[in-house]
Amino acid sequence: MKSIHQKQVSVSVSDVLSLLGKGVLLSSLFIFPHAGLGIGAIYNFYQSIKREKDFSTWEKFNLSRLRFLLRRLRRQKLISIYHQDGYEVMRLTKKGRVKILRYKLEEMEIERQTKWDYKWRLIIYDITQFKHRQQSAFRRILKQLNFFPLQKSVYLTPYPCNKEIDFLREYFEVGEAVIYIIAEKIENDEVYRKYFGL
């Protein structure tokens, strides 16, 4: 095991939240430098519970920066300390899980097919099921993803996006208010083909 002081990998808020969201175990020992525990003692803890791989994930980051972020995230109530099988670990709070969803939302992209399958994807949403802010945000995200606006609540893309739409349904908690349709033909689609460069 290399010394943590040789590590120069920086860590961001999104790194921490994303790893916790994926279930990588984070011992509360990382956040308590006053306990006098060095990185070797923390490694011994992970070794004792057979989670050395999780330790390696955190150990690559700059320790002082990681501790700074963990304290800040705890103050913001994005993470909290929980008891698990006799030891203390850091986990996401509900507020932290919402924050992760926002990061995913910002990073979302629809993968362009190398060869178009000649099918159109229509996204239709029921305006009455959305709150005003939700409606504006949902429309903004569809535009951000380069959907073509057919009507106020109908958007079009030639690319598969069912996973992304499922995520948006979950994020906005609108369920069946959003309908995903695959169409093999749309009349006068030249303007849409031009828009997408097909």
C-alpha atoms as a PDB file:
ATOM      1  CA  MET A   1       0.000   0.000   0.000  1.00  0.00           C
ATOM      2  CA  LYS A   2       1.419   3.374  -1.018  1.00  0.00           C
ATOM      3  CA  SER A   3       1.383   6.324   1.324  1.00  0.00           C
ATOM      4  CA  ILE A   4      -1.572   8.651   0.954  1.00  0.00           C
ATOM      5  CA  HIS A   5       0.873  11.581   0.892  1.00  0.00           C
ATOM      6  CA  GLN A   6       2.136  10.388  -2.477  1.00  0.00           C
ATOM      7  CA  LYS A   7      -1.331  10.716  -3.917  1.00  0.00           C
ATOM      8  CA  GLN A   8      -2.190  13.882  -5.786  1.00  0.00           C
ATOM      9  CA  VAL A   9      -5.579  12.882  -7.201  1.00  0.00           C
ATOM     10  CA  SER A  10      -8.104  15.606  -6.472  1.00  0.00           C
ATOM     11  CA  VAL A  11     -11.672  14.782  -5.509  1.00  0.00           C
ATOM     12  CA  SER A  12     -14.911  16.638  -6.195  1.00  0.00           C
ATOM     13  CA  VAL A  13     -18.354  16.694  -4.614  1.00  0.00           C
ATOM     14  CA  SER A  14     -19.759  14.756  -7.563  1.00  0.00           C
ATOM     15  CA  ASP A  15     -17.016  12.090  -7.131  1.00  0.00           C
ATOM     16  CA  VAL A  16     -17.963  11.530  -3.491  1.00  0.00           C
ATOM     17  CA  LEU A  17     -21.714  11.495  -4.059  1.00  0.00           C
ATOM     18  CA  SER A  18     -21.444   9.287  -7.129  1.00  0.00           C
ATOM     19  CA  LEU A  19     -19.281   6.686  -5.371  1.00  0.00           C
ATOM     20  CA  LEU A  20     -21.555   6.616  -2.337  1.00  0.00           C
ATOM     21  CA  GLY A  21     -24.521   6.279  -4.698  1.00  0.00           C
ATOM     22  CA  LYS A  22     -22.868   3.230  -6.257  1.00  0.00           C
ATOM     23  CA  GLY A  23     -22.523   1.617  -2.830  1.00  0.00           C
ATOM     24  CA  VAL A  24     -18.775   2.099  -2.269  1.00  0.00           C
ATOM     25  CA  LEU A  25     -18.343   1.864   1.490  1.00  0.00           C
ATOM     26  CA  LEU A  26     -16.904   4.968   3.175  1.00  0.00           C
ATOM     27  CA  SER A  27     -15.795   4.581   6.775  1.00  0.00           C
ATOM     28  CA  SER A  28     -16.431   7.521   9.099  1.00  0.00           C
ATOM     29  CA  LEU A  29     -12.749   7.148  10.100  1.00  0.00           C
ATOM     30  CA  PHE A  30     -11.914   9.242   7.014  1.00  0.00           C
ATOM     31  CA  ILE A  31     -13.662  12.261   8.499  1.00  0.00           C
ATOM     32  CA  PHE A  32     -12.116  12.165  11.984  1.00  0.00           C
ATOM     33  CA  PRO A  33      -8.414  13.114  11.787  1.00  0.00           C
ATOM     34  CA  HIS A  34      -8.436  14.112  15.484  1.00  0.00           C
ATOM     35  CA  ALA A  35      -8.822  10.440  16.404  1.00  0.00           C
ATOM     36  CA  GLY A  36      -5.110  10.061  15.661  1.00  0.00           C
ATOM     37  CA  LEU A  37      -5.686   7.334  13.121  1.00  0.00           C
ATOM     38  CA  GLY A  38      -3.342   7.257  10.164  1.00  0.00           C
ATOM     39  CA  ILE A  39      -4.178   5.878   6.762  1.00  0.00           C
ATOM     40  CA  GLY A  40      -2.681   2.534   7.774  1.00  0.00           C
ATOM     41  CA  ALA A  41      -5.175   2.159  10.624  1.00  0.00           C
ATOM     42  CA  ILE A  42      -8.044   2.994   8.284  1.00  0.00           C
ATOM     43  CA  TYR A  43      -6.792   0.356   5.832  1.00  0.00           C
ATOM     44  CA  ASN A  44      -6.703  -2.194   8.655  1.00  0.00           C
ATOM     45  CA  PHE A  45     -10.367  -1.481   9.327  1.00  0.00           C
ATOM     46  CA  TYR A  46     -11.315  -2.101   5.681  1.00  0.00           C
ATOM     47  CA  GLN A  47      -9.164  -5.244   5.668  1.00  0.00           C
ATOM     48  CA  SER A  48     -10.932  -6.550   8.758  1.00  0.00           C
ATOM     49  CA  ILE A  49     -14.316  -6.367   6.997  1.00  0.00           C
ATOM     50  CA  LYS A  50     -12.899  -7.596   3.671  1.00  0.00           C
ATOM     51  CA  ARG A  51     -13.621  -4.352   1.806  1.00  0.00           C
ATOM     52  CA  GLU A  52     -10.067  -3.505   0.668  1.00  0.00           C
ATOM     53  CA  LYS A  53     -11.348  -2.659  -2.811  1.00  0.00           C
ATOM     54  CA  ASP A  54     -13.550   0.086  -1.363  1.00  0.00           C
ATOM     55  CA  PHE A  55     -10.586   1.431   0.583  1.00  0.00           C
ATOM     56  CA  SER A  56      -8.509   1.600  -2.613  1.00  0.00           C
ATOM     57  CA  THR A  57     -11.234   3.675  -4.254  1.00  0.00           C
ATOM     58  CA  TRP A  58     -11.043   6.349  -1.536  1.00  0.00           C
ATOM     59  CA  GLU A  59      -7.314   6.073  -0.800  1.00  0.00           C
ATOM     60  CA  LYS A  60      -6.356   7.349  -4.257  1.00  0.00           C
ATOM     61  CA  PHE A  61      -7.799  10.776  -3.410  1.00  0.00           C
ATOM     62  CA  ASN A  62      -5.994  13.552  -1.572  1.00  0.00           C
ATOM     63  CA  LEU A  63      -6.867  12.854   2.076  1.00  0.00           C
ATOM     64  CA  SER A  64      -7.079  16.446   3.329  1.00  0.00           C
ATOM     65  CA  ARG A  65      -9.292  17.441   0.391  1.00  0.00           C
ATOM     66  CA  LEU A  66     -11.514  14.386   0.918  1.00  0.00           C
ATOM     67  CA  ARG A  67     -11.927  15.191   4.616  1.00  0.00           C
ATOM     68  CA  PHE A  68     -12.751  18.811   3.818  1.00  0.00           C
ATOM     69  CA  LEU A  69     -15.473  17.758   1.366  1.00  0.00           C
ATOM     70  CA  LEU A  70     -16.908  15.153   3.735  1.00  0.00           C
ATOM     71  CA  ARG A  71     -17.273  17.727   6.518  1.00  0.00           C
ATOM     72  CA  ARG A  72     -18.928  20.158   4.117  1.00  0.00           C
ATOM     73  CA  LEU A  73     -21.307  17.523   2.718  1.00  0.00           C
ATOM     74  CA  ARG A  74     -22.224  16.514   6.250  1.00  0.00           C
ATOM     75  CA  ARG A  75     -22.970  20.125   7.224  1.00  0.00           C
ATOM     76  CA  GLN A  76     -25.154  20.401   4.104  1.00  0.00           C
ATOM     77  CA  LYS A  77     -26.961  17.209   5.191  1.00  0.00           C
ATOM     78  CA  LEU A  78     -26.077  15.451   1.936  1.00  0.00           C
ATOM     79  CA  ILE A  79     -24.335  12.643   3.829  1.00  0.00           C
ATOM     80  CA  SER A  80     -24.715  11.320   7.339  1.00  0.00           C
ATOM     81  CA  ILE A  81     -23.124   8.753   9.651  1.00  0.00           C
ATOM     82  CA  TYR A  82     -24.931   5.437  10.033  1.00  0.00           C
ATOM     83  CA  HIS A  83     -24.228   2.364  12.122  1.00  0.00           C
ATOM     84  CA  GLN A  84     -23.722  -0.810  10.120  1.00  0.00           C
ATOM     85  CA  ASP A  85     -22.786  -4.186  11.632  1.00  0.00           C
ATOM     86  CA  GLY A  86     -21.034  -2.578  14.579  1.00  0.00           C
ATOM     87  CA  TYR A  87     -19.103   0.122  12.702  1.00  0.00           C
ATOM     88  CA  GLU A  88     -19.836   3.625  11.418  1.00  0.00           C
ATOM     89  CA  VAL A  89     -20.054   4.508   7.739  1.00  0.00           C
ATOM     90  CA  MET A  90     -20.971   7.561   5.690  1.00  0.00           C
ATOM     91  CA  ARG A  91     -24.095   7.274   3.542  1.00  0.00           C
ATOM     92  CA  LEU A  92     -26.190   9.511   1.357  1.00  0.00           C
ATOM     93  CA  THR A  93     -29.211  11.166   2.889  1.00  0.00           C
ATOM     94  CA  LYS A  94     -32.415  11.641   0.895  1.00  0.00           C
ATOM     95  CA  LYS A  95     -31.178  15.139   0.084  1.00  0.00           C
ATOM     96  CA  GLY A  96     -27.898  13.617  -1.135  1.00  0.00           C
ATOM     97  CA  ARG A  97     -29.698  11.166  -3.419  1.00  0.00           C
ATOM     98  CA  VAL A  98     -31.648  14.046  -4.973  1.00  0.00           C
ATOM     99  CA  LYS A  99     -28.356  15.857  -5.547  1.00  0.00           C
ATOM    100  CA  ILE A 100     -26.990  12.833  -7.430  1.00  0.00           C
ATOM    101  CA  LEU A 101     -30.044  12.812  -9.669  1.00  0.00           C
ATOM    102  CA  ARG A 102     -29.385  16.458 -10.490  1.00  0.00           C
ATOM    103  CA  TYR A 103     -25.798  15.674 -11.452  1.00  0.00           C
ATOM    104  CA  LYS A 104     -27.027  12.850 -13.683  1.00  0.00           C
ATOM    105  CA  LEU A 105     -29.547  15.210 -15.217  1.00  0.00           C
ATOM    106  CA  GLU A 106     -26.847  17.745 -16.073  1.00  0.00           C
ATOM    107  CA  GLU A 107     -24.621  15.074 -17.616  1.00  0.00           C
ATOM    108  CA  MET A 108     -27.371  13.323 -19.570  1.00  0.00           C
ATOM    109  CA  GLU A 109     -26.824  12.847 -23.295  1.00  0.00           C
ATOM    110  CA  ILE A 110     -28.592  10.802 -25.947  1.00  0.00           C
ATOM    111  CA  GLU A 111     -26.245   8.580 -27.915  1.00  0.00           C
ATOM    112  CA  ARG A 112     -26.422   9.139 -31.651  1.00  0.00           C
ATOM    113  CA  GLN A 113     -26.703   5.966 -33.723  1.00  0.00           C
ATOM    114  CA  THR A 114     -23.959   5.367 -36.274  1.00  0.00           C
ATOM    115  CA  LYS A 115     -26.709   4.211 -38.634  1.00  0.00           C
ATOM    116  CA  TRP A 116     -30.265   5.469 -38.274  1.00  0.00           C
ATOM    117  CA  ASP A 117     -32.912   2.741 -37.986  1.00  0.00           C
ATOM    118  CA  TYR A 118     -35.523   4.949 -39.771  1.00  0.00           C
ATOM    119  CA  LYS A 119     -37.712   5.130 -36.676  1.00  0.00           C
ATOM    120  CA  TRP A 120     -38.849   8.255 -34.856  1.00  0.00           C
ATOM    121  CA  ARG A 121     -39.218   8.561 -31.090  1.00  0.00           C
ATOM    122  CA  LEU A 122     -42.054  10.781 -29.936  1.00  0.00           C
ATOM    123  CA  ILE A 123     -42.249  12.076 -26.382  1.00  0.00           C
ATOM    124  CA  ILE A 124     -45.714  13.256 -25.388  1.00  0.00           C
ATOM    125  CA  TYR A 125     -46.421  14.581 -21.925  1.00  0.00           C
ATOM    126  CA  ASP A 126     -49.636  15.535 -20.189  1.00  0.00           C
ATOM    127  CA  ILE A 127     -49.238  19.164 -19.171  1.00  0.00           C
ATOM    128  CA  THR A 128     -51.974  18.888 -16.524  1.00  0.00           C
ATOM    129  CA  GLN A 129     -49.883  16.314 -14.610  1.00  0.00           C
ATOM    130  CA  PHE A 130     -46.912  18.691 -14.288  1.00  0.00           C
ATOM    131  CA  LYS A 131     -46.458  21.562 -11.896  1.00  0.00           C
ATOM    132  CA  HIS A 132     -45.466  24.776 -13.655  1.00  0.00           C
ATOM    133  CA  ARG A 133     -41.787  24.589 -12.654  1.00  0.00           C
ATOM    134  CA  GLN A 134     -41.620  20.901 -13.525  1.00  0.00           C
ATOM    135  CA  GLN A 135     -43.116  21.586 -16.931  1.00  0.00           C
ATOM    136  CA  SER A 136     -40.578  24.326 -17.723  1.00  0.00           C
ATOM    137  CA  ALA A 137     -37.658  22.203 -16.491  1.00  0.00           C
ATOM    138  CA  PHE A 138     -38.815  19.128 -18.415  1.00  0.00           C
ATOM    139  CA  ARG A 139     -39.169  21.139 -21.627  1.00  0.00           C
ATOM    140  CA  ARG A 140     -35.748  22.737 -21.099  1.00  0.00           C
ATOM    141  CA  ILE A 141     -34.106  19.323 -20.680  1.00  0.00           C
ATOM    142  CA  LEU A 142     -35.703  17.973 -23.864  1.00  0.00           C
ATOM    143  CA  LYS A 143     -34.348  20.982 -25.757  1.00  0.00           C
ATOM    144  CA  GLN A 144     -30.958  20.479 -24.110  1.00  0.00           C
ATOM    145  CA  LEU A 145     -31.028  16.897 -25.429  1.00  0.00           C
ATOM    146  CA  ASN A 146     -31.710  18.282 -28.918  1.00  0.00           C
ATOM    147  CA  PHE A 147     -35.284  17.021 -29.251  1.00  0.00           C
ATOM    148  CA  PHE A 148     -37.318  18.688 -31.992  1.00  0.00           C
ATOM    149  CA  PRO A 149     -40.464  20.461 -30.689  1.00  0.00           C
ATOM    150  CA  LEU A 150     -43.443  19.327 -32.738  1.00  0.00           C
ATOM    151  CA  GLN A 151     -45.977  20.973 -30.459  1.00  0.00           C
ATOM    152  CA  LYS A 152     -45.970  22.463 -26.972  1.00  0.00           C
ATOM    153  CA  SER A 153     -45.999  19.049 -25.284  1.00  0.00           C
ATOM    154  CA  VAL A 154     -44.778  16.812 -28.121  1.00  0.00           C
ATOM    155  CA  TYR A 155     -41.088  16.317 -28.904  1.00  0.00           C
ATOM    156  CA  LEU A 156     -39.251  14.228 -31.496  1.00  0.00           C
ATOM    157  CA  THR A 157     -35.893  12.493 -31.890  1.00  0.00           C
ATOM    158  CA  PRO A 158     -34.644   9.750 -34.233  1.00  0.00           C
ATOM    159  CA  TYR A 159     -32.484   8.185 -31.512  1.00  0.00           C
ATOM    160  CA  PRO A 160     -33.411   5.538 -28.894  1.00  0.00           C
ATOM    161  CA  CYS A 161     -33.905   7.267 -25.548  1.00  0.00           C
ATOM    162  CA  ASN A 162     -36.180   5.056 -23.441  1.00  0.00           C
ATOM    163  CA  LYS A 163     -33.664   4.880 -20.567  1.00  0.00           C
ATOM    164  CA  GLU A 164     -33.306   8.646 -20.491  1.00  0.00           C
ATOM    165  CA  ILE A 165     -37.078   9.121 -20.552  1.00  0.00           C
ATOM    166  CA  ASP A 166     -37.499   6.572 -17.744  1.00  0.00           C
ATOM    167  CA  PHE A 167     -34.973   8.543 -15.711  1.00  0.00           C
ATOM    168  CA  LEU A 168     -36.858  11.802 -16.337  1.00  0.00           C
ATOM    169  CA  ARG A 169     -40.122  10.133 -15.295  1.00  0.00           C
ATOM    170  CA  GLU A 170     -38.483   9.066 -12.032  1.00  0.00           C
ATOM    171  CA  TYR A 171     -36.784  12.407 -11.430  1.00  0.00           C
ATOM    172  CA  PHE A 172     -39.942  14.462 -11.969  1.00  0.00           C
ATOM    173  CA  GLU A 173     -42.168  11.795 -10.385  1.00  0.00           C
ATOM    174  CA  VAL A 174     -44.653  11.958 -13.268  1.00  0.00           C
ATOM    175  CA  GLY A 175     -44.890   8.292 -14.234  1.00  0.00           C
ATOM    176  CA  GLU A 176     -47.553   7.733 -16.873  1.00  0.00           C
ATOM    177  CA  ALA A 177     -47.838  11.461 -17.639  1.00  0.00           C
ATOM    178  CA  VAL A 178     -44.983  10.975 -20.125  1.00  0.00           C
ATOM    179  CA  ILE A 179     -45.575   8.683 -23.112  1.00  0.00           C
ATOM    180  CA  TYR A 180     -42.778   7.231 -25.269  1.00  0.00           C
ATOM    181  CA  ILE A 181     -43.831   6.296 -28.807  1.00  0.00           C
ATOM    182  CA  ILE A 182     -41.831   4.695 -31.623  1.00  0.00           C
ATOM    183  CA  ALA A 183     -43.131   5.600 -35.079  1.00  0.00           C
ATOM    184  CA  GLU A 184     -41.934   4.139 -38.360  1.00  0.00           C
ATOM    185  CA  LYS A 185     -43.238   6.981 -40.492  1.00  0.00           C
ATOM    186  CA  ILE A 186     -44.090  10.655 -40.061  1.00  0.00           C
ATOM    187  CA  GLU A 187     -45.537  12.661 -42.927  1.00  0.00           C
ATOM    188  CA  ASN A 188     -43.357  15.345 -44.499  1.00  0.00           C
ATOM    189  CA  ASP A 189     -40.372  14.453 -42.343  1.00  0.00           C
ATOM    190  CA  GLU A 190     -37.826  16.263 -44.530  1.00  0.00           C
ATOM    191  CA  VAL A 191     -37.593  19.179 -42.102  1.00  0.00           C
ATOM    192  CA  TYR A 192     -36.940  16.781 -39.202  1.00  0.00           C
ATOM    193  CA  ARG A 193     -34.293  14.865 -41.134  1.00  0.00           C
ATOM    194  CA  LYS A 194     -32.576  18.144 -41.930  1.00  0.00           C
ATOM    195  CA  TYR A 195     -32.710  19.214 -38.287  1.00  0.00           C
ATOM    196  CA  PHE A 196     -30.977  16.004 -37.189  1.00  0.00           C
ATOM    197  CA  GLY A 197     -28.634  15.817 -40.180  1.00  0.00           C
ATOM    198  CA  LEU A 198     -30.055  12.541 -41.484  1.00  0.00           C
END
